[in-house]
Amino acid sequence: MLSGSTALAQQAPPTGYRSGVLSPHDHRIPIVPDRWPWSSIGRVNVIMGLKRSFCTGTLVGPRHVITAAHCLFDGKINAFVKPQALHFVAAQDRDKFAAHAVATAFAASPDFRFRMEERPRWDKIALDMVKNDWAIVTLEHSLPSRPVPIRAMPRAKLPNDSAPGEIALAGYGGDHAFVLSVHKGCTAQTDEPAPGLLVHTCDSMPGESGSPILLLDGDNAWLVGLHSAVSSAFTPQVGYRALAGHGVSASMFEEASRSALGN
């Protein structure tokens, strides 16, 4: 059993045991991102020296994308990449997309610590650090897709009577890197197992770090958190089995987002 204080960070490219599918059946389905809010979700492509990586990001303003901070950290140089190494592609659907832009800046949580010597293992993130695993990327120009509003919901089991609808995770997994996949009908609990954290039952794969945890209700959608990592159990001669998805509650980045957007 992996330690309860760590989780596998879900940054692409994938390795063989990093699946975040929580049951024998993968509930993610491919979706064409031609309607909001799916049209505001895209790939965050990252240049790391001679290598390329990617995660998932969401437009929260015309020029601002939120994603997981660990996606922007290059372990080879033990530091964040330069903003110009980031390229956001909105609504990627195989060889089509809605819009794209290179980054000019990004702001991560000042409390995020992800240097190699600060990790439990090179591919792990401490669970108490997950709450700081967010970054807001500023793009060189505005994109036409309508941003997804952020909604902080402290100590909430979602969905519930006061926040009806359904929870969904949407992202670009390494198994279908250029196709948006969505798991609808899962659940999320904010401030669990500690304030600022979020635990969810949505399926995921590497590449889906930074994916939005969405509350959908009719034609409305809110970003209530970000997916960051998966906790797993290891059984000899069987391998790793995903236990739960972990992420950041929107309460941790709501104020930073308002500041970035000038609200």
C-alpha atoms as a PDB file:
ATOM      1  CA  MET A   1       0.000   0.000   0.000  1.00  0.00           C
ATOM      2  CA  LEU A   2       1.350   3.418  -0.869  1.00  0.00           C
ATOM      3  CA  SER A   3       1.684   5.829   1.983  1.00  0.00           C
ATOM      4  CA  GLY A   4      -1.437   7.829   2.665  1.00  0.00           C
ATOM      5  CA  SER A   5       0.616  11.003   2.509  1.00  0.00           C
ATOM      6  CA  THR A   6       1.602  10.681  -1.134  1.00  0.00           C
ATOM      7  CA  ALA A   7      -0.032  10.293  -4.517  1.00  0.00           C
ATOM      8  CA  LEU A   8       1.176   9.701  -8.040  1.00  0.00           C
ATOM      9  CA  ALA A   9       1.264  12.929 -10.020  1.00  0.00           C
ATOM     10  CA  GLN A  10      -0.602  12.453 -13.292  1.00  0.00           C
ATOM     11  CA  GLN A  11       1.602  14.304 -15.729  1.00  0.00           C
ATOM     12  CA  ALA A  12       2.106  12.896 -19.230  1.00  0.00           C
ATOM     13  CA  PRO A  13       3.828  10.969 -20.718  1.00  0.00           C
ATOM     14  CA  PRO A  14       2.360   7.930 -18.973  1.00  0.00           C
ATOM     15  CA  THR A  15       4.083   4.971 -17.394  1.00  0.00           C
ATOM     16  CA  GLY A  16       2.592   1.516 -17.203  1.00  0.00           C
ATOM     17  CA  TYR A  17       1.061   1.665 -13.734  1.00  0.00           C
ATOM     18  CA  ARG A  18      -0.318   5.175 -13.477  1.00  0.00           C
ATOM     19  CA  SER A  19      -3.904   4.510 -14.476  1.00  0.00           C
ATOM     20  CA  GLY A  20      -6.469   6.532 -12.572  1.00  0.00           C
ATOM     21  CA  VAL A  21      -9.381   4.298 -13.584  1.00  0.00           C
ATOM     22  CA  LEU A  22     -10.980   3.426 -10.259  1.00  0.00           C
ATOM     23  CA  SER A  23     -12.902   0.297 -11.235  1.00  0.00           C
ATOM     24  CA  PRO A  24     -12.756  -2.478 -13.851  1.00  0.00           C
ATOM     25  CA  HIS A  25     -14.751  -0.245 -16.210  1.00  0.00           C
ATOM     26  CA  ASP A  26     -13.384   3.045 -17.601  1.00  0.00           C
ATOM     27  CA  HIS A  27     -16.243   5.555 -17.406  1.00  0.00           C
ATOM     28  CA  ARG A  28     -14.546   8.190 -19.570  1.00  0.00           C
ATOM     29  CA  ILE A  29     -16.135   8.773 -22.960  1.00  0.00           C
ATOM     30  CA  PRO A  30     -14.736  10.811 -25.869  1.00  0.00           C
ATOM     31  CA  ILE A  31     -16.594  14.032 -26.573  1.00  0.00           C
ATOM     32  CA  VAL A  32     -16.400  16.585 -29.386  1.00  0.00           C
ATOM     33  CA  PRO A  33     -15.576  19.931 -27.715  1.00  0.00           C
ATOM     34  CA  ASP A  34     -17.812  22.032 -29.941  1.00  0.00           C
ATOM     35  CA  ARG A  35     -20.009  23.323 -27.115  1.00  0.00           C
ATOM     36  CA  TRP A  36     -19.368  25.143 -23.871  1.00  0.00           C
ATOM     37  CA  PRO A  37     -17.938  24.269 -21.372  1.00  0.00           C
ATOM     38  CA  TRP A  38     -15.982  21.636 -23.320  1.00  0.00           C
ATOM     39  CA  SER A  39     -14.859  24.265 -25.840  1.00  0.00           C
ATOM     40  CA  SER A  40     -12.988  26.087 -23.048  1.00  0.00           C
ATOM     41  CA  ILE A  41     -10.911  23.039 -22.081  1.00  0.00           C
ATOM     42  CA  GLY A  42      -7.672  22.266 -23.872  1.00  0.00           C
ATOM     43  CA  ARG A  43      -4.163  20.862 -23.850  1.00  0.00           C
ATOM     44  CA  VAL A  44      -1.355  22.678 -22.074  1.00  0.00           C
ATOM     45  CA  ASN A  45       1.665  21.655 -24.132  1.00  0.00           C
ATOM     46  CA  VAL A  46       4.988  22.034 -22.351  1.00  0.00           C
ATOM     47  CA  ILE A  47       8.491  22.065 -23.854  1.00  0.00           C
ATOM     48  CA  MET A  48      11.037  20.588 -21.445  1.00  0.00           C
ATOM     49  CA  GLY A  49      14.401  20.721 -23.193  1.00  0.00           C
ATOM     50  CA  LEU A  50      14.318  18.126 -25.961  1.00  0.00           C
ATOM     51  CA  LYS A  51      11.166  16.522 -24.555  1.00  0.00           C
ATOM     52  CA  ARG A  52       7.517  17.433 -24.811  1.00  0.00           C
ATOM     53  CA  SER A  53       4.850  16.899 -22.184  1.00  0.00           C
ATOM     54  CA  PHE A  54       1.262  17.974 -21.716  1.00  0.00           C
ATOM     55  CA  CYS A  55      -1.502  18.375 -19.192  1.00  0.00           C
ATOM     56  CA  THR A  56      -5.033  19.760 -19.310  1.00  0.00           C
ATOM     57  CA  GLY A  57      -6.096  23.342 -18.720  1.00  0.00           C
ATOM     58  CA  THR A  58      -9.288  25.408 -18.636  1.00  0.00           C
ATOM     59  CA  LEU A  59      -9.971  28.971 -19.692  1.00  0.00           C
ATOM     60  CA  VAL A  60     -11.069  30.968 -16.648  1.00  0.00           C
ATOM     61  CA  GLY A  61     -10.670  34.299 -18.458  1.00  0.00           C
ATOM     62  CA  PRO A  62     -10.173  35.368 -22.092  1.00  0.00           C
ATOM     63  CA  ARG A  63      -6.386  35.259 -21.605  1.00  0.00           C
ATOM     64  CA  HIS A  64      -6.083  33.052 -18.540  1.00  0.00           C
ATOM     65  CA  VAL A  65      -5.864  29.275 -18.176  1.00  0.00           C
ATOM     66  CA  ILE A  66      -5.728  27.306 -14.937  1.00  0.00           C
ATOM     67  CA  THR A  67      -3.860  24.026 -14.700  1.00  0.00           C
ATOM     68  CA  ALA A  68      -1.791  21.977 -12.242  1.00  0.00           C
ATOM     69  CA  ALA A  69       1.476  23.625 -11.190  1.00  0.00           C
ATOM     70  CA  HIS A  70       3.450  20.376 -11.303  1.00  0.00           C
ATOM     71  CA  CYS A  71       2.834  20.234 -15.061  1.00  0.00           C
ATOM     72  CA  LEU A  72       4.979  23.337 -15.494  1.00  0.00           C
ATOM     73  CA  PHE A  73       7.900  22.025 -13.432  1.00  0.00           C
ATOM     74  CA  ASP A  74      10.864  20.451 -15.228  1.00  0.00           C
ATOM     75  CA  GLY A  75      12.580  17.881 -13.028  1.00  0.00           C
ATOM     76  CA  LYS A  76      15.669  17.890 -15.266  1.00  0.00           C
ATOM     77  CA  ILE A  77      16.480  21.467 -14.312  1.00  0.00           C
ATOM     78  CA  ASN A  78      14.660  21.275 -10.966  1.00  0.00           C
ATOM     79  CA  ALA A  79      12.729  24.455 -11.728  1.00  0.00           C
ATOM     80  CA  PHE A  80       9.695  25.793 -13.520  1.00  0.00           C
ATOM     81  CA  VAL A  81       9.911  26.134 -17.292  1.00  0.00           C
ATOM     82  CA  LYS A  82       9.888  29.557 -18.918  1.00  0.00           C
ATOM     83  CA  PRO A  83       6.420  30.869 -19.833  1.00  0.00           C
ATOM     84  CA  GLN A  84       7.303  30.779 -23.536  1.00  0.00           C
ATOM     85  CA  ALA A  85       7.608  26.989 -23.254  1.00  0.00           C
ATOM     86  CA  LEU A  86       3.835  26.754 -22.712  1.00  0.00           C
ATOM     87  CA  HIS A  87       1.278  26.546 -25.505  1.00  0.00           C
ATOM     88  CA  PHE A  88      -2.446  26.254 -24.833  1.00  0.00           C
ATOM     89  CA  VAL A  89      -4.640  24.629 -27.499  1.00  0.00           C
ATOM     90  CA  ALA A  90      -8.348  25.062 -26.788  1.00  0.00           C
ATOM     91  CA  ALA A  91     -10.869  22.378 -27.762  1.00  0.00           C
ATOM     92  CA  GLN A  92      -8.346  20.062 -29.390  1.00  0.00           C
ATOM     93  CA  ASP A  93     -10.140  17.330 -31.337  1.00  0.00           C
ATOM     94  CA  ARG A  94      -7.576  15.212 -33.144  1.00  0.00           C
ATOM     95  CA  ASP A  95      -6.158  17.524 -35.842  1.00  0.00           C
ATOM     96  CA  LYS A  96      -8.714  20.287 -35.203  1.00  0.00           C
ATOM     97  CA  PHE A  97      -8.883  22.937 -32.499  1.00  0.00           C
ATOM     98  CA  ALA A  98     -10.811  26.109 -31.691  1.00  0.00           C
ATOM     99  CA  ALA A  99      -7.928  28.453 -30.854  1.00  0.00           C
ATOM    100  CA  HIS A 100      -4.413  28.517 -29.450  1.00  0.00           C
ATOM    101  CA  ALA A 101      -1.900  30.857 -27.868  1.00  0.00           C
ATOM    102  CA  VAL A 102       1.571  30.838 -26.345  1.00  0.00           C
ATOM    103  CA  ALA A 103       1.949  31.909 -22.720  1.00  0.00           C
ATOM    104  CA  THR A 104       3.633  35.123 -21.639  1.00  0.00           C
ATOM    105  CA  ALA A 105       3.571  34.495 -17.882  1.00  0.00           C
ATOM    106  CA  PHE A 106       2.211  32.213 -15.204  1.00  0.00           C
ATOM    107  CA  ALA A 107       1.700  32.430 -11.461  1.00  0.00           C
ATOM    108  CA  ALA A 108       1.817  29.357  -9.242  1.00  0.00           C
ATOM    109  CA  SER A 109       0.904  29.135  -5.589  1.00  0.00           C
ATOM    110  CA  PRO A 110       3.720  30.676  -3.526  1.00  0.00           C
ATOM    111  CA  ASP A 111       3.437  27.668  -1.217  1.00  0.00           C
ATOM    112  CA  PHE A 112       3.958  25.045  -3.925  1.00  0.00           C
ATOM    113  CA  ARG A 113       7.121  22.998  -3.353  1.00  0.00           C
ATOM    114  CA  PHE A 114       8.059  20.456  -6.003  1.00  0.00           C
ATOM    115  CA  ARG A 115      11.845  20.398  -6.218  1.00  0.00           C
ATOM    116  CA  MET A 116      13.221  16.873  -6.537  1.00  0.00           C
ATOM    117  CA  GLU A 117      14.589  16.906  -2.996  1.00  0.00           C
ATOM    118  CA  GLU A 118      11.151  17.956  -1.704  1.00  0.00           C
ATOM    119  CA  ARG A 119       9.217  15.080  -3.303  1.00  0.00           C
ATOM    120  CA  PRO A 120       8.462  11.740  -1.631  1.00  0.00           C
ATOM    121  CA  ARG A 121       9.696  10.144  -4.883  1.00  0.00           C
ATOM    122  CA  TRP A 122      10.449  11.549  -8.330  1.00  0.00           C
ATOM    123  CA  ASP A 123       6.942  10.751  -9.623  1.00  0.00           C
ATOM    124  CA  LYS A 124       5.015  11.478  -6.413  1.00  0.00           C
ATOM    125  CA  ILE A 125       3.551  14.552  -4.803  1.00  0.00           C
ATOM    126  CA  ALA A 126       2.851  14.766  -1.082  1.00  0.00           C
ATOM    127  CA  LEU A 127      -0.879  14.906  -0.415  1.00  0.00           C
ATOM    128  CA  ASP A 128      -0.470  17.954   1.800  1.00  0.00           C
ATOM    129  CA  MET A 129       1.151  19.712  -1.186  1.00  0.00           C
ATOM    130  CA  VAL A 130      -1.698  18.892  -3.596  1.00  0.00           C
ATOM    131  CA  LYS A 131      -3.742  21.816  -2.254  1.00  0.00           C
ATOM    132  CA  ASN A 132      -1.063  24.144  -3.665  1.00  0.00           C
ATOM    133  CA  ASP A 133      -0.850  22.366  -7.027  1.00  0.00           C
ATOM    134  CA  TRP A 134      -2.363  25.094  -9.202  1.00  0.00           C
ATOM    135  CA  ALA A 135      -1.060  27.690 -11.627  1.00  0.00           C
ATOM    136  CA  ILE A 136      -2.723  30.461 -13.628  1.00  0.00           C
ATOM    137  CA  VAL A 137      -1.230  30.931 -17.096  1.00  0.00           C
ATOM    138  CA  THR A 138      -1.488  34.238 -18.969  1.00  0.00           C
ATOM    139  CA  LEU A 139      -1.740  33.908 -22.750  1.00  0.00           C
ATOM    140  CA  GLU A 140      -0.332  36.294 -25.336  1.00  0.00           C
ATOM    141  CA  HIS A 141      -3.804  37.099 -26.667  1.00  0.00           C
ATOM    142  CA  SER A 142      -7.455  36.492 -25.866  1.00  0.00           C
ATOM    143  CA  LEU A 143      -9.216  33.359 -27.060  1.00  0.00           C
ATOM    144  CA  PRO A 144     -12.856  33.346 -28.211  1.00  0.00           C
ATOM    145  CA  SER A 145     -14.132  30.504 -26.025  1.00  0.00           C
ATOM    146  CA  ARG A 146     -16.282  31.563 -23.060  1.00  0.00           C
ATOM    147  CA  PRO A 147     -14.406  31.108 -19.782  1.00  0.00           C
ATOM    148  CA  VAL A 148     -15.642  28.703 -17.130  1.00  0.00           C
ATOM    149  CA  PRO A 149     -16.495  30.447 -13.840  1.00  0.00           C
ATOM    150  CA  ILE A 150     -14.735  29.345 -10.665  1.00  0.00           C
ATOM    151  CA  ARG A 151     -16.953  28.408  -7.718  1.00  0.00           C
ATOM    152  CA  ALA A 152     -15.456  27.750  -4.314  1.00  0.00           C
ATOM    153  CA  MET A 153     -17.584  25.364  -2.266  1.00  0.00           C
ATOM    154  CA  PRO A 154     -16.025  24.704   1.154  1.00  0.00           C
ATOM    155  CA  ARG A 155     -16.710  21.403   2.935  1.00  0.00           C
ATOM    156  CA  ALA A 156     -19.175  20.143   0.345  1.00  0.00           C
ATOM    157  CA  LYS A 157     -20.104  16.670  -0.850  1.00  0.00           C
ATOM    158  CA  LEU A 158     -20.981  17.216  -4.486  1.00  0.00           C
ATOM    159  CA  PRO A 159     -23.517  17.100  -5.918  1.00  0.00           C
ATOM    160  CA  ASN A 160     -26.000  17.842  -3.141  1.00  0.00           C
ATOM    161  CA  ASP A 161     -29.415  19.418  -2.598  1.00  0.00           C
ATOM    162  CA  SER A 162     -28.055  22.981  -2.555  1.00  0.00           C
ATOM    163  CA  ALA A 163     -25.670  22.302  -5.443  1.00  0.00           C
ATOM    164  CA  PRO A 164     -27.608  19.903  -7.687  1.00  0.00           C
ATOM    165  CA  GLY A 165     -26.485  18.492 -11.006  1.00  0.00           C
ATOM    166  CA  GLU A 166     -23.573  16.196 -11.662  1.00  0.00           C
ATOM    167  CA  ILE A 167     -19.820  16.188 -11.211  1.00  0.00           C
ATOM    168  CA  ALA A 168     -17.617  15.631 -14.247  1.00  0.00           C
ATOM    169  CA  LEU A 169     -13.912  15.496 -14.992  1.00  0.00           C
ATOM    170  CA  ALA A 170     -12.813  16.411 -18.523  1.00  0.00           C
ATOM    171  CA  GLY A 171      -9.275  16.054 -19.816  1.00  0.00           C
ATOM    172  CA  TYR A 172      -6.755  14.840 -22.341  1.00  0.00           C
ATOM    173  CA  GLY A 173      -5.399  11.503 -21.146  1.00  0.00           C
ATOM    174  CA  GLY A 174      -2.246   9.921 -22.481  1.00  0.00           C
ATOM    175  CA  ASP A 175      -4.242   7.037 -23.931  1.00  0.00           C
ATOM    176  CA  HIS A 176      -6.204   9.450 -26.177  1.00  0.00           C
ATOM    177  CA  ALA A 177      -3.883  12.428 -26.192  1.00  0.00           C
ATOM    178  CA  PHE A 178      -5.714  14.543 -28.767  1.00  0.00           C
ATOM    179  CA  VAL A 179      -9.292  13.651 -27.846  1.00  0.00           C
ATOM    180  CA  LEU A 180     -11.194  15.181 -24.937  1.00  0.00           C
ATOM    181  CA  SER A 181     -12.553  12.506 -22.577  1.00  0.00           C
ATOM    182  CA  VAL A 182     -15.220  13.123 -19.953  1.00  0.00           C
ATOM    183  CA  HIS A 183     -16.412  11.116 -16.961  1.00  0.00           C
ATOM    184  CA  LYS A 184     -19.822  12.369 -15.889  1.00  0.00           C
ATOM    185  CA  GLY A 185     -21.740  11.262 -12.838  1.00  0.00           C
ATOM    186  CA  CYS A 186     -18.834  10.919 -10.423  1.00  0.00           C
ATOM    187  CA  THR A 187     -18.628  12.610  -7.025  1.00  0.00           C
ATOM    188  CA  ALA A 188     -16.322  15.049  -5.275  1.00  0.00           C
ATOM    189  CA  GLN A 189     -15.796  16.208  -1.735  1.00  0.00           C
ATOM    190  CA  THR A 190     -14.034  19.468  -0.977  1.00  0.00           C
ATOM    191  CA  ASP A 191     -11.777  20.016   2.024  1.00  0.00           C
ATOM    192  CA  GLU A 192     -11.200  16.276   2.242  1.00  0.00           C
ATOM    193  CA  PRO A 193      -9.042  14.841   3.755  1.00  0.00           C
ATOM    194  CA  ALA A 194      -7.873  18.332   4.791  1.00  0.00           C
ATOM    195  CA  PRO A 195      -8.794  21.980   4.054  1.00  0.00           C
ATOM    196  CA  GLY A 196      -7.986  23.016   0.492  1.00  0.00           C
ATOM    197  CA  LEU A 197      -7.917  19.467  -0.831  1.00  0.00           C
ATOM    198  CA  LEU A 198     -10.496  17.640  -2.904  1.00  0.00           C
ATOM    199  CA  VAL A 199     -11.093  13.921  -3.292  1.00  0.00           C
ATOM    200  CA  HIS A 200     -13.128  12.563  -6.205  1.00  0.00           C
ATOM    201  CA  THR A 201     -14.333   9.335  -7.818  1.00  0.00           C
ATOM    202  CA  CYS A 202     -13.767  10.363 -11.458  1.00  0.00           C
ATOM    203  CA  ASP A 203     -11.661   8.178 -13.736  1.00  0.00           C
ATOM    204  CA  SER A 204      -8.513   9.725 -15.196  1.00  0.00           C
ATOM    205  CA  MET A 205      -5.270   8.958 -16.968  1.00  0.00           C
ATOM    206  CA  PRO A 206      -1.841  10.616 -17.129  1.00  0.00           C
ATOM    207  CA  GLY A 207      -2.162  13.892 -18.990  1.00  0.00           C
ATOM    208  CA  GLU A 208      -5.302  14.782 -17.095  1.00  0.00           C
ATOM    209  CA  SER A 209      -3.474  16.634 -14.339  1.00  0.00           C
ATOM    210  CA  GLY A 210      -4.956  20.110 -14.274  1.00  0.00           C
ATOM    211  CA  SER A 211      -8.294  18.845 -15.583  1.00  0.00           C
ATOM    212  CA  PRO A 212     -11.294  20.742 -14.272  1.00  0.00           C
ATOM    213  CA  ILE A 213     -13.609  19.158 -11.758  1.00  0.00           C
ATOM    214  CA  LEU A 214     -16.897  20.576 -12.997  1.00  0.00           C
ATOM    215  CA  LEU A 215     -20.319  20.918 -11.420  1.00  0.00           C
ATOM    216  CA  LEU A 216     -22.824  20.713 -14.267  1.00  0.00           C
ATOM    217  CA  ASP A 217     -26.438  21.777 -13.841  1.00  0.00           C
ATOM    218  CA  GLY A 218     -28.437  22.158 -17.037  1.00  0.00           C
ATOM    219  CA  ASP A 219     -26.766  24.784 -19.194  1.00  0.00           C
ATOM    220  CA  ASN A 220     -24.630  25.976 -16.287  1.00  0.00           C
ATOM    221  CA  ALA A 221     -21.141  24.825 -15.358  1.00  0.00           C
ATOM    222  CA  TRP A 222     -18.709  25.798 -12.637  1.00  0.00           C
ATOM    223  CA  LEU A 223     -15.127  24.823 -11.975  1.00  0.00           C
ATOM    224  CA  VAL A 224     -15.085  23.602  -8.370  1.00  0.00           C
ATOM    225  CA  GLY A 225     -11.596  22.086  -8.340  1.00  0.00           C
ATOM    226  CA  LEU A 226      -8.616  20.747 -10.279  1.00  0.00           C
ATOM    227  CA  HIS A 227      -7.460  17.168 -10.657  1.00  0.00           C
ATOM    228  CA  SER A 228      -3.850  16.631  -9.581  1.00  0.00           C
ATOM    229  CA  ALA A 229      -2.982  13.055  -8.668  1.00  0.00           C
ATOM    230  CA  VAL A 230      -4.161   9.545  -7.900  1.00  0.00           C
ATOM    231  CA  SER A 231      -3.554   7.443  -4.807  1.00  0.00           C
ATOM    232  CA  SER A 232      -2.907   3.750  -5.475  1.00  0.00           C
ATOM    233  CA  ALA A 233      -2.410   0.432  -3.768  1.00  0.00           C
ATOM    234  CA  PHE A 234       0.197  -2.126  -4.856  1.00  0.00           C
ATOM    235  CA  THR A 235      -0.374  -5.871  -4.729  1.00  0.00           C
ATOM    236  CA  PRO A 236       2.513  -8.241  -5.528  1.00  0.00           C
ATOM    237  CA  GLN A 237       2.057 -10.092  -8.845  1.00  0.00           C
ATOM    238  CA  VAL A 238      -0.997  -7.928  -9.560  1.00  0.00           C
ATOM    239  CA  GLY A 239       0.362  -4.386  -9.738  1.00  0.00           C
ATOM    240  CA  TYR A 240      -1.066  -1.001  -8.880  1.00  0.00           C
ATOM    241  CA  ARG A 241      -4.759  -0.269  -8.415  1.00  0.00           C
ATOM    242  CA  ALA A 242      -6.099   3.282  -8.289  1.00  0.00           C
ATOM    243  CA  LEU A 243      -7.955   4.125  -5.085  1.00  0.00           C
ATOM    244  CA  ALA A 244      -9.092   7.732  -5.478  1.00  0.00           C
ATOM    245  CA  GLY A 245      -8.493  10.930  -7.376  1.00  0.00           C
ATOM    246  CA  HIS A 246      -7.067  13.927  -5.532  1.00  0.00           C
ATOM    247  CA  GLY A 247      -7.041  17.583  -6.372  1.00  0.00           C
ATOM    248  CA  VAL A 248      -7.275  21.202  -5.345  1.00  0.00           C
ATOM    249  CA  SER A 249     -10.458  22.791  -4.077  1.00  0.00           C
ATOM    250  CA  ALA A 250     -11.365  26.031  -5.881  1.00  0.00           C
ATOM    251  CA  SER A 251     -11.152  27.883  -2.568  1.00  0.00           C
ATOM    252  CA  MET A 252      -7.350  27.672  -2.903  1.00  0.00           C
ATOM    253  CA  PHE A 253      -7.158  29.629  -6.173  1.00  0.00           C
ATOM    254  CA  GLU A 254     -10.397  31.633  -6.372  1.00  0.00           C
ATOM    255  CA  GLU A 255      -8.829  34.827  -5.000  1.00  0.00           C
ATOM    256  CA  ALA A 256      -5.694  34.491  -7.173  1.00  0.00           C
ATOM    257  CA  SER A 257      -7.898  34.049 -10.212  1.00  0.00           C
ATOM    258  CA  ARG A 258      -9.915  37.178  -9.425  1.00  0.00           C
ATOM    259  CA  SER A 259      -6.671  39.112  -9.013  1.00  0.00           C
ATOM    260  CA  ALA A 260      -5.285  37.832 -12.319  1.00  0.00           C
ATOM    261  CA  LEU A 261      -8.492  38.755 -14.116  1.00  0.00           C
ATOM    262  CA  GLY A 262      -8.582  42.177 -12.492  1.00  0.00           C
ATOM    263  CA  ASN A 263     -11.883  41.498 -10.716  1.00  0.00           C
END
